Protein backbone atom coordinates (compact mmCIF):
# COMPACT_ATOMS: atom_id res chain seq x y z
CA UNK A 1 97.70 103.34 69.15
CA UNK A 2 99.82 100.97 71.16
CA UNK A 3 96.72 98.84 71.72
CA UNK A 4 96.75 97.92 68.05
CA UNK A 5 99.96 95.93 68.66
CA UNK A 6 98.24 93.80 71.30
CA UNK A 7 98.43 90.01 71.01
CA UNK A 8 100.75 90.06 68.01
CA UNK A 9 103.43 87.87 69.51
CA UNK A 10 105.18 90.21 71.87
CA UNK A 11 105.73 93.80 72.91
CA UNK A 12 106.44 96.26 70.13
CA UNK A 13 108.39 99.42 70.97
CA UNK A 14 106.25 102.43 71.74
CA UNK A 15 107.85 105.47 73.38
CA UNK A 16 104.52 106.67 74.85
CA UNK A 17 102.62 103.44 75.47
CA UNK A 18 101.28 104.68 78.82
CA UNK A 19 99.34 107.52 77.17
CA UNK A 20 96.56 105.34 75.79
CA UNK A 21 96.98 101.88 77.32
CA UNK A 22 94.14 99.92 78.90
CA UNK A 23 95.69 98.77 82.16
CA UNK A 24 94.30 96.03 84.40
CA UNK A 25 94.88 96.36 88.12
CA UNK A 26 95.61 92.89 89.49
CA UNK A 27 95.37 92.49 93.26
CA UNK A 28 97.41 89.29 93.67
CA UNK A 29 95.77 88.02 96.88
CA UNK A 30 92.35 87.99 95.23
CA UNK A 31 92.84 87.28 91.52
CA UNK A 32 93.53 83.54 91.28
CA UNK A 33 94.91 80.94 93.71
CA UNK A 34 97.21 78.42 92.07
CA UNK A 35 98.45 76.41 95.06
CA UNK A 36 95.21 75.98 97.02
CA UNK A 37 96.05 77.91 100.18
CA UNK A 38 93.10 80.27 99.72
CA UNK A 39 95.27 83.23 98.72
CA UNK A 40 95.89 84.39 95.16
CA UNK A 41 99.42 83.99 93.84
CA UNK A 42 101.67 84.26 90.80
CA UNK A 43 100.85 80.74 89.68
CA UNK A 44 97.19 81.70 89.59
CA UNK A 45 97.93 84.91 87.72
CA UNK A 46 100.03 83.07 85.14
CA UNK A 47 97.20 80.57 84.59
CA UNK A 48 94.83 83.43 83.75
CA UNK A 49 97.01 85.45 81.40
CA UNK A 50 95.02 84.22 78.41
CA UNK A 51 91.85 85.54 80.06
CA UNK A 52 93.48 88.96 80.34
CA UNK A 53 94.70 88.83 76.76
CA UNK A 54 91.18 87.95 75.62
CA UNK A 55 89.78 90.82 77.69
CA UNK A 56 91.90 93.14 75.56
CA UNK A 57 94.12 94.95 78.05
CA UNK A 58 97.59 96.30 77.21
CA UNK A 59 99.26 96.16 80.62
CA UNK A 60 98.83 94.70 84.10
CA UNK A 61 99.55 96.63 87.27
CA UNK A 62 100.36 94.29 90.14
CA UNK A 63 99.78 95.43 93.69
CA UNK A 64 102.78 94.61 95.93
CA UNK A 65 104.09 91.08 95.65
CA UNK A 66 107.20 91.60 97.81
CA UNK A 67 108.38 89.87 100.98
CA UNK A 68 106.11 91.20 103.71
CA UNK A 69 104.59 90.31 107.09
CA UNK A 70 101.29 91.41 105.49
CA UNK A 71 100.28 93.85 108.22
CA UNK A 72 98.79 95.93 105.39
CA UNK A 73 98.31 93.39 102.61
CA UNK A 74 101.87 93.75 101.30
CA UNK A 75 102.20 97.54 101.53
CA UNK A 76 104.53 96.89 104.47
CA UNK A 77 107.55 95.75 102.46
CA UNK A 78 110.36 93.87 104.17
CA UNK A 79 112.43 93.33 101.01
CA UNK A 80 111.75 95.11 97.72
CA UNK A 81 113.79 92.59 95.73
CA UNK A 82 112.14 89.38 96.93
CA UNK A 83 108.74 87.87 96.21
CA UNK A 84 106.78 86.85 99.29
CA UNK A 85 106.44 83.04 99.51
CA UNK A 86 102.68 83.60 99.83
CA UNK A 87 102.77 84.59 96.15
CA UNK A 88 105.64 82.52 94.80
CA UNK A 89 109.26 83.13 93.88
CA UNK A 90 111.35 85.68 92.04
CA UNK A 91 111.85 83.12 89.27
CA UNK A 92 108.05 82.86 88.89
CA UNK A 93 107.76 86.64 88.71
CA UNK A 94 110.39 86.74 85.97
CA UNK A 95 108.55 83.99 84.10
CA UNK A 96 105.25 85.86 84.46
CA UNK A 97 106.80 89.02 83.00
CA UNK A 98 108.12 86.99 80.05
CA UNK A 99 104.80 85.22 79.46
CA UNK A 100 102.87 88.48 79.62
CA UNK A 101 105.24 90.08 77.12
CA UNK A 102 104.74 87.14 74.78
CA UNK A 103 101.03 88.03 74.79
CA UNK A 104 101.72 91.70 74.10
CA UNK A 105 100.98 92.71 77.70
CA UNK A 106 103.26 95.05 79.64
CA UNK A 107 103.87 94.78 83.39
CA UNK A 108 103.69 97.55 86.00
CA UNK A 109 104.72 96.89 89.61
CA UNK A 110 103.96 98.81 92.77
CA UNK A 111 106.78 100.57 94.62
CA UNK A 112 106.09 101.83 98.15
CA UNK A 113 108.57 104.65 98.91
CA UNK A 114 106.96 106.43 101.87
CA UNK A 115 107.47 103.59 104.32
CA UNK A 116 108.72 100.04 104.67
CA UNK A 117 107.93 97.20 107.06
CA UNK A 118 109.07 97.20 110.67
CA UNK A 119 110.64 93.85 109.70
CA UNK A 120 112.83 95.50 107.07
CA UNK A 121 116.48 95.05 107.98
CA UNK A 122 116.96 98.81 108.18
CA UNK A 123 114.30 99.19 110.84
CA UNK A 124 115.53 96.20 112.77
CA UNK A 125 118.97 97.85 112.82
CA UNK A 126 117.37 101.11 113.92
CA UNK A 127 115.98 99.50 117.06
CA UNK A 128 119.53 99.18 118.42
CA UNK A 129 121.51 101.78 116.44
CA UNK A 130 121.10 105.56 116.62
CA UNK A 131 122.93 105.90 113.29
CA UNK A 132 120.50 103.52 111.58
CA UNK A 133 117.61 105.56 112.97
CA UNK A 134 118.57 108.44 110.71
CA UNK A 135 116.92 106.56 107.82
CA UNK A 136 113.58 106.97 109.62
CA UNK A 137 111.84 109.63 111.72
CA UNK A 138 112.78 108.89 115.31
CA UNK A 139 112.22 111.65 117.86
CA UNK A 140 112.04 112.08 121.65
CA UNK A 141 108.56 112.53 123.03
CA UNK A 142 106.96 115.33 124.99
CA UNK A 143 107.13 113.66 128.36
CA UNK A 144 104.71 110.75 128.07
CA UNK A 145 103.28 112.16 124.83
CA UNK A 146 104.47 111.57 121.26
CA UNK A 147 106.58 114.25 119.49
CA UNK A 148 103.47 115.90 118.01
CA UNK A 149 99.78 115.28 117.45
CA UNK A 150 99.96 113.96 113.89
CA UNK A 151 97.34 111.29 113.22
CA UNK A 152 97.72 108.14 111.17
CA UNK A 153 95.81 107.89 107.91
CA UNK A 154 94.69 104.50 109.21
CA UNK A 155 93.38 105.96 112.47
CA UNK A 156 95.01 106.71 115.81
CA UNK A 157 98.33 108.42 116.54
CA UNK A 158 101.04 108.51 113.87
CA UNK A 159 103.74 107.71 116.45
CA UNK A 160 104.80 104.52 118.25
CA UNK A 161 107.26 104.36 121.12
CA UNK A 162 110.19 101.91 121.21
CA UNK A 163 111.85 100.32 124.23
CA UNK A 164 114.37 103.12 124.90
CA UNK A 165 111.66 105.78 124.96
CA UNK A 166 112.02 107.35 121.51
CA UNK A 167 109.11 107.46 119.08
CA UNK A 168 109.01 106.73 115.34
CA UNK A 169 106.68 108.17 112.73
CA UNK A 170 104.23 106.05 110.73
CA UNK A 171 101.62 107.83 108.66
CA UNK A 172 99.95 104.46 108.17
CA UNK A 173 100.11 101.43 110.51
CA UNK A 174 102.74 101.07 113.28
CA UNK A 175 104.20 98.21 111.24
CA UNK A 176 104.95 100.74 108.45
CA UNK A 177 107.64 103.17 109.67
CA UNK A 178 108.10 106.21 107.43
CA UNK A 179 111.43 106.52 105.63
CA UNK A 180 113.51 109.70 105.83
CA UNK A 181 114.06 110.80 102.25
CA UNK A 182 116.63 113.34 103.36
CA UNK A 183 119.01 110.43 103.95
CA UNK A 184 121.22 109.48 100.97
CA UNK A 185 120.88 105.76 101.73
CA UNK A 186 117.14 105.93 101.12
CA UNK A 187 117.53 107.70 97.80
CA UNK A 188 120.24 105.33 96.57
CA UNK A 189 118.34 102.24 97.69
CA UNK A 190 115.17 103.06 95.79
CA UNK A 191 116.99 104.02 92.61
CA UNK A 192 118.64 100.60 92.78
CA UNK A 193 115.27 98.93 93.40
CA UNK A 194 113.90 100.59 90.26
CA UNK A 195 116.82 99.27 88.22
CA UNK A 196 116.39 95.82 89.75
CA UNK A 197 112.85 95.53 88.38
CA UNK A 198 113.44 97.39 85.13
CA UNK A 199 116.33 95.03 84.41
CA UNK A 200 113.88 92.13 84.79
CA UNK A 201 111.63 93.53 82.10
CA UNK A 202 109.11 95.53 84.16
CA UNK A 203 107.69 98.28 81.96
CA UNK A 204 106.44 100.71 84.57
CA UNK A 205 106.25 101.62 88.23
CA UNK A 206 103.14 102.66 90.12
CA UNK A 207 104.31 104.95 92.93
CA UNK A 208 102.32 104.45 96.12
CA UNK A 209 101.39 107.51 98.23
CA UNK A 210 103.59 109.60 95.99
CA UNK A 211 102.87 112.96 97.61
CA UNK A 212 103.82 111.92 101.14
CA UNK A 213 107.52 111.04 101.04
CA UNK A 214 109.01 114.43 101.98
CA UNK A 215 108.57 115.73 105.55
CA UNK A 216 109.32 119.03 107.26
CA UNK A 217 112.18 118.13 109.65
CA UNK A 218 110.70 120.49 112.26
CA UNK A 219 107.58 118.27 112.34
CA UNK A 220 105.12 121.14 112.90
CA UNK A 221 101.41 120.64 113.28
CA UNK A 222 99.45 121.05 110.00
CA UNK A 223 98.31 124.63 109.55
CA UNK A 224 101.15 126.16 111.55
CA UNK A 225 103.41 126.73 108.53
CA UNK A 226 102.99 127.91 104.94
CA UNK A 227 103.19 124.38 103.53
CA UNK A 228 101.85 121.10 104.82
CA UNK A 229 104.42 119.22 106.93
CA UNK A 230 104.09 115.95 105.01
CA UNK A 231 101.72 116.31 102.03
CA UNK A 232 102.93 117.59 98.65
CA UNK A 233 106.09 119.29 99.81
CA UNK A 234 108.35 120.85 97.18
CA UNK A 235 111.20 118.52 98.09
CA UNK A 236 109.23 115.49 96.90
CA UNK A 237 109.79 116.50 93.28
CA UNK A 238 113.53 115.97 93.61
CA UNK A 239 112.81 112.30 94.26
CA UNK A 240 110.82 111.78 91.08
CA UNK A 241 113.22 113.76 88.92
CA UNK A 242 115.92 111.30 89.93
CA UNK A 243 113.58 108.37 89.26
CA UNK A 244 112.74 109.77 85.84
CA UNK A 245 116.43 109.80 85.00
CA UNK A 246 116.57 106.10 85.85
CA UNK A 247 113.43 105.31 83.82
CA UNK A 248 114.67 107.25 80.79
CA UNK A 249 118.00 105.44 80.80
CA UNK A 250 116.38 102.35 79.26
CA UNK A 251 116.06 102.00 75.46
CA UNK A 252 112.33 101.20 75.65
CA UNK A 253 111.18 103.88 78.11
CA UNK A 254 109.81 102.79 81.45
CA UNK A 255 106.84 104.65 82.88
CA UNK A 256 106.32 106.24 86.31
CA UNK A 257 102.68 106.43 87.36
CA UNK A 258 101.83 108.30 90.54
CA UNK A 259 99.20 107.76 93.19
CA UNK A 260 98.70 111.45 93.89
CA UNK A 261 95.65 112.42 95.97
CA UNK A 262 95.50 116.24 95.75
CA UNK A 263 92.57 118.63 95.41
CA UNK A 264 94.67 121.42 93.90
CA UNK A 265 94.97 120.56 90.20
CA UNK A 266 97.82 122.97 89.61
CA UNK A 267 99.80 121.26 92.38
CA UNK A 268 98.78 117.88 90.94
CA UNK A 269 100.09 118.85 87.50
CA UNK A 270 103.56 119.51 88.92
CA UNK A 271 104.05 115.76 89.28
CA UNK A 272 103.55 115.46 85.53
CA UNK A 273 106.24 117.87 84.41
CA UNK A 274 108.43 116.53 81.58
CA UNK A 275 111.21 115.47 83.93
CA UNK A 276 109.00 113.80 86.56
CA UNK A 277 106.18 111.26 86.26
CA UNK A 278 104.61 110.15 83.02
CA UNK A 279 101.09 109.85 84.41
CA UNK A 280 99.03 109.98 87.60
CA UNK A 281 95.66 108.53 88.55
CA UNK A 282 92.59 110.70 88.11
CA UNK A 283 91.02 110.41 91.54
CA UNK A 284 88.67 113.33 90.95
CA UNK A 285 87.00 111.25 88.25
CA UNK A 286 86.94 108.17 90.48
CA UNK A 287 85.07 110.11 93.16
CA UNK A 288 82.81 112.16 90.90
CA UNK A 289 79.06 111.90 91.38
CA UNK A 290 76.89 110.34 88.68
CA UNK A 291 75.86 113.77 87.48
CA UNK A 292 76.33 115.27 84.02
CA UNK A 293 77.47 118.71 85.14
CA UNK A 294 79.88 117.33 87.72
CA UNK A 295 81.38 114.83 85.29
CA UNK A 296 81.76 117.42 82.55
CA UNK A 297 83.52 119.80 84.93
CA UNK A 298 85.81 117.00 86.09
CA UNK A 299 86.66 116.00 82.51
CA UNK A 300 87.30 119.62 81.50
CA UNK A 301 89.58 120.14 84.47
CA UNK A 302 91.47 116.95 83.67
CA UNK A 303 91.98 117.97 80.05
CA UNK A 304 93.33 121.32 81.22
CA UNK A 305 95.90 119.96 83.65
CA UNK A 306 96.45 116.38 82.47
CA UNK A 307 95.59 116.23 78.74
CA UNK A 308 96.41 112.53 78.54
CA UNK A 309 94.17 111.51 81.40
CA UNK A 310 94.53 108.34 83.48
CA UNK A 311 90.87 107.47 84.01
CA UNK A 312 89.82 105.13 86.81
CA UNK A 313 86.46 104.17 88.34
CA UNK A 314 87.53 101.82 91.17
CA UNK A 315 90.61 100.47 92.88
CA UNK A 316 91.68 98.42 95.91
CA UNK A 317 91.13 101.30 98.35
CA UNK A 318 87.59 102.48 97.57
CA UNK A 319 84.04 101.16 97.40
CA UNK A 320 83.39 99.38 94.10
CA UNK A 321 81.53 101.70 91.77
CA UNK A 322 78.62 99.32 91.12
CA UNK A 323 77.73 99.84 94.78
CA UNK A 324 78.60 103.54 94.88
CA UNK A 325 76.48 104.28 91.81
CA UNK A 326 73.57 102.48 93.46
CA UNK A 327 73.53 104.74 96.52
CA UNK A 328 71.60 107.98 97.00
CA UNK A 329 74.95 109.83 97.20
CA UNK A 330 76.98 108.60 94.23
CA UNK A 331 80.09 110.62 95.04
CA UNK A 332 82.79 109.85 97.55
CA UNK A 333 82.12 113.17 99.30
CA UNK A 334 80.65 111.36 102.29
CA UNK A 335 83.83 109.30 102.64
CA UNK A 336 85.77 106.91 100.44
CA UNK A 337 84.16 104.05 102.35
CA UNK A 338 80.94 104.23 104.30
CA UNK A 339 78.32 102.12 105.98
CA UNK A 340 75.16 102.62 103.94
CA UNK A 341 72.54 99.89 103.67
CA UNK A 342 70.69 101.74 100.91
CA UNK A 343 72.06 100.27 97.69
CA UNK A 344 70.16 99.64 94.47
CA UNK A 345 72.54 97.15 92.84
CA UNK A 346 70.62 96.88 89.51
CA UNK A 347 70.70 100.68 89.19
CA UNK A 348 74.37 100.77 90.15
CA UNK A 349 75.12 98.07 87.58
CA UNK A 350 73.27 99.94 84.85
CA UNK A 351 75.21 103.10 85.65
CA UNK A 352 78.48 101.17 85.83
CA UNK A 353 77.89 99.84 82.31
CA UNK A 354 77.33 103.37 81.04
CA UNK A 355 80.36 104.62 82.97
CA UNK A 356 82.50 101.96 81.31
CA UNK A 357 81.68 103.29 77.84
CA UNK A 358 82.18 106.88 78.98
CA UNK A 359 85.57 106.09 80.50
CA UNK A 360 86.84 103.99 77.61
CA UNK A 361 85.93 106.75 75.14
CA UNK A 362 87.85 109.52 76.94
CA UNK A 363 91.32 110.64 75.77
CA UNK A 364 94.22 108.93 77.50
CA UNK A 365 94.77 105.70 79.38
CA UNK A 366 92.24 103.76 81.43
CA UNK A 367 92.63 101.54 84.50
CA UNK A 368 90.32 98.59 85.10
CA UNK A 369 90.26 97.22 88.64
CA UNK A 370 89.95 93.46 88.66
CA UNK A 371 86.33 92.38 88.91
CA UNK A 372 84.83 95.56 87.52
CA UNK A 373 84.67 93.80 84.16
CA UNK A 374 82.38 91.31 85.93
CA UNK A 375 80.22 94.00 87.55
CA UNK A 376 81.16 92.95 91.07
CA UNK A 377 79.56 94.98 93.86
CA UNK A 378 81.16 95.83 97.19
CA UNK A 379 80.88 93.03 99.76
CA UNK A 380 79.60 94.80 102.85
CA UNK A 381 78.65 91.96 105.19
CA UNK A 382 82.06 90.44 105.91
CA UNK A 383 82.07 89.17 109.51
CA UNK A 384 84.31 91.11 111.88
CA UNK A 385 86.42 88.05 112.62
CA UNK A 386 87.19 87.60 108.90
CA UNK A 387 88.19 91.20 108.22
CA UNK A 388 91.86 91.78 107.48
CA UNK A 389 92.23 95.52 106.83
CA UNK A 390 94.15 97.47 109.52
CA UNK A 391 91.88 100.46 108.86
CA UNK A 392 88.91 98.50 110.18
CA UNK A 393 90.76 97.37 113.27
CA UNK A 394 92.54 100.67 114.07
CA UNK A 395 89.24 102.59 113.88
CA UNK A 396 87.39 100.07 116.01
CA UNK A 397 85.18 99.29 113.04
CA UNK A 398 84.09 102.90 112.55
CA UNK A 399 85.59 102.70 109.06
CA UNK A 400 84.51 99.53 107.23
CA UNK A 401 87.92 99.32 105.62
CA UNK A 402 88.86 98.04 102.20
CA UNK A 403 88.18 94.32 102.44
CA UNK A 404 84.84 94.68 100.66
CA UNK A 405 86.49 95.56 97.35
CA UNK A 406 89.22 92.94 97.75
CA UNK A 407 87.13 89.77 97.90
CA UNK A 408 88.51 87.01 95.63
CA UNK A 409 87.11 86.85 92.10
CA UNK A 410 84.49 84.30 91.00
CA UNK A 411 85.69 82.29 88.01
CA UNK A 412 83.26 79.36 87.81
CA UNK A 413 80.98 77.07 89.77
CA UNK A 414 77.98 77.36 92.06
CA UNK A 415 79.64 77.85 95.43
CA UNK A 416 82.73 79.18 97.14
CA UNK A 417 85.53 79.33 96.02
CA UNK A 418 83.94 79.74 92.56
CA UNK A 419 87.04 78.50 90.76
CA UNK A 420 89.29 81.00 92.55
CA UNK A 421 91.16 78.05 94.08
CA UNK A 422 91.54 74.43 92.93
CA UNK A 423 89.20 71.77 94.29
CA UNK A 424 89.88 70.84 97.90
CA UNK A 425 91.66 74.11 98.66
CA UNK A 426 91.58 76.10 101.87
CA UNK A 427 88.74 78.63 102.10
CA UNK A 428 89.42 81.96 100.38
CA UNK A 429 91.15 84.48 102.63
CA UNK A 430 88.00 86.64 102.45
CA UNK A 431 84.53 85.08 102.14
CA UNK A 432 82.77 85.24 98.78
CA UNK A 433 79.02 85.98 98.65
CA UNK A 434 76.57 83.22 97.73
CA UNK A 435 75.15 85.40 94.96
CA UNK A 436 78.43 85.53 93.07
CA UNK A 437 77.76 82.34 91.13
CA UNK A 438 75.75 84.45 88.66
CA UNK A 439 78.66 86.86 88.21
CA UNK A 440 81.39 84.33 87.47
CA UNK A 441 83.52 84.44 84.36
CA UNK A 442 82.14 81.08 83.23
CA UNK A 443 78.56 82.38 83.37
CA UNK A 444 79.32 85.70 81.73
CA UNK A 445 81.58 84.56 78.88
CA UNK A 446 78.84 83.02 76.69
CA UNK A 447 76.33 85.78 77.49
CA UNK A 448 76.50 88.63 74.95
CA UNK A 449 74.57 90.88 77.36
CA UNK A 450 76.95 90.39 80.30
CA UNK A 451 79.25 93.01 81.78
CA UNK A 452 82.25 90.93 80.71
CA UNK A 453 81.05 90.87 77.11
CA UNK A 454 80.52 94.63 77.21
CA UNK A 455 84.07 95.22 78.40
CA UNK A 456 85.53 92.83 75.83
CA UNK A 457 83.62 94.50 73.02
CA UNK A 458 84.48 98.01 74.16
CA UNK A 459 88.18 97.23 74.61
CA UNK A 460 88.35 95.55 71.21
CA UNK A 461 86.73 98.56 69.52
CA UNK A 462 88.93 100.98 71.48
CA UNK A 463 92.06 99.11 70.39
CA UNK A 464 91.16 99.19 66.74
CA UNK A 465 89.61 102.62 66.30
CA UNK A 466 92.02 105.41 65.31
CA UNK A 467 90.00 108.08 67.17
CA UNK A 468 90.21 106.39 70.58
CA UNK A 469 92.95 106.30 73.16
CA UNK A 470 95.31 109.27 73.22
CA UNK A 471 94.18 112.46 71.51
CA UNK A 472 91.64 115.22 71.85
CA UNK A 473 87.89 115.46 72.34
CA UNK A 474 85.20 117.98 71.48
CA UNK A 475 81.97 118.48 73.41
CA UNK A 476 78.81 118.27 71.32
CA UNK A 477 75.44 119.95 71.91
CA UNK A 478 73.23 117.81 74.15
CA UNK A 479 70.09 118.11 76.29
CA UNK A 480 70.38 118.88 80.00
CA UNK A 481 71.72 115.91 81.91
CA UNK A 482 73.33 114.39 78.83
CA UNK A 483 77.02 114.26 77.90
CA UNK A 484 78.03 114.02 74.25
CA UNK A 485 81.46 114.39 72.71
CA UNK A 486 83.33 113.46 69.58
CA UNK A 487 86.77 111.92 69.26
CA UNK A 488 87.36 112.72 65.61
CA UNK A 489 87.05 110.40 62.62
CA UNK A 490 83.27 110.47 63.02
CA UNK A 491 83.25 108.77 66.43
CA UNK A 492 80.97 110.07 69.19
CA UNK A 493 80.02 109.03 72.72
CA UNK A 494 76.70 109.97 74.33
CA UNK A 495 75.69 109.30 77.95
CA UNK A 496 72.24 110.00 79.38
CA UNK A 497 72.44 110.86 83.08
CA UNK A 498 69.02 112.55 83.11
CA UNK A 499 65.82 110.94 84.47
CA UNK A 500 64.12 110.81 81.07
CA UNK A 501 64.84 109.13 77.75
CA UNK A 502 66.29 111.36 75.03
CA UNK A 503 66.38 111.00 71.27
CA UNK A 504 69.56 109.86 69.63
CA UNK A 505 71.13 112.38 67.28
CA UNK A 506 71.44 111.63 63.62
CA UNK A 507 74.11 109.01 63.12
CA UNK A 508 75.42 106.55 60.58
CA UNK A 509 75.95 103.56 62.86
CA UNK A 510 75.32 102.46 66.43
CA UNK A 511 78.68 100.97 67.40
CA UNK A 512 77.94 99.87 70.98
CA UNK A 513 75.34 100.49 73.68
CA UNK A 514 75.70 99.91 77.41
CA UNK A 515 72.16 98.48 77.50
CA UNK A 516 69.73 97.64 74.65
CA UNK A 517 67.98 100.64 73.17
CA UNK A 518 64.27 101.16 72.61
CA UNK A 519 64.26 102.34 69.03
CA UNK A 520 66.00 105.70 68.65
CA UNK A 521 65.69 106.62 72.33
CA UNK A 522 68.57 106.66 74.80
CA UNK A 523 67.19 105.60 78.17
CA UNK A 524 68.40 107.07 81.49
CA UNK A 525 71.76 105.75 82.73
CA UNK A 526 72.70 104.50 79.30
CA UNK A 527 75.67 105.24 77.05
CA UNK A 528 76.23 104.69 73.33
CA UNK A 529 79.11 104.87 70.91
CA UNK A 530 78.09 106.19 67.51
CA UNK A 531 79.65 106.64 64.13
CA UNK A 532 78.37 109.94 62.86
CA UNK A 533 78.75 112.24 59.96
CA UNK A 534 76.24 115.04 60.58
CA UNK A 535 76.66 114.79 64.40
CA UNK A 536 79.73 117.01 64.31
């Protein structure tokens, strides 16, 4: 496994490192604030690299750190080759990449190809030049109405009118105009952006909204043509084939990792063809209910279409899974985000601990969203005046938005900012709950029963065990409501999702348990790792 090379004084070559890496998603605004302005930055991230090395991860994925007006927390990029001063400088980013590599940690950066910022020089040129508008989707309206009835993913119309009467398309916020990938300038620009970051040592690219880049030039309403006008069009694959050529041109291969939200698994698998992306996030698993049958079906489907799965429980766009698992409906079927005052946080935490062992035992790579290793719940009582997410504002508050999973991390201390910022700093950009003092890194580190200790132990075992990471799995017989599978070499994982305790199977050694066991019984919402001979 590539993980076995971790913390041995640098990155060792591995042509398929992305297949079994443990990857930490670092949301820069909320990880660590080095300069005291209340917003996380590169200085803060660099100061915590040893924490990440000790956690046991193999790579860090950074959400956008580029020059941006921050209309959508950096996903409105004004310059893909510059670091926003809010976070630091390009020189700091280069130093961070070097320092991470020295610790055996690879770096993945976010590229946003569907849209840019309305402050990007191209869009500013487009406001006065018809030729420059060809890089975007400008169209005349229907009288006083926009060109069609497409709706923004963030709420409201997907069109905004400019001074001369034309309208431009934005599938997200008005400050995020969609790029026209039929234009050669757009294709050439992004290939150059990839090289820019690869040349600086970046090991992989996470591709934002990967299925949305290609549009039907006729701009029909959804449902009026055989294919969707802007989701998962065939033309999008040409983009990633060209990107793969760029990634493969480097001696130590760079990885392309797609954010691909699709229900059709066969369509999803097309993004993972040998000449396209190396991996894509498993959002079916992220949204799966805490139910044995549902999880088994999801895992089976993943292994059919994406044998080296990219498993993920939370990210910066969805309700943290400690909270989701504590609700009556544990799936995301009722909406990725929802107002729901019924949350049993202790139950959600217990399930989250079990889910961590399940996820880390599955074949493939795993993504850990910052704070999940601390067991952070969703923050659902952020005052309206402190909310930052355009989704909240564009829906008039009907959608709570994503701020609740983006609250700055607690590192130490009894009160805000809990070590997130230095003493005397400005308040954190989002308020931290009073209860978070008990969840801080400083409190959890010496506690062998903490969520942080569980993650550290599990990641250490995963890195050193030959059966874990990439490979195959075999389901084992188990009672109803229980999942059990082997990973070869005598290793087995068992998760009890039923309402009653079940007996452990015969085994040689209990390697790790998500919560303490009562003798040889596996309690509900508990997972174990076992070394077994007779179990198989």
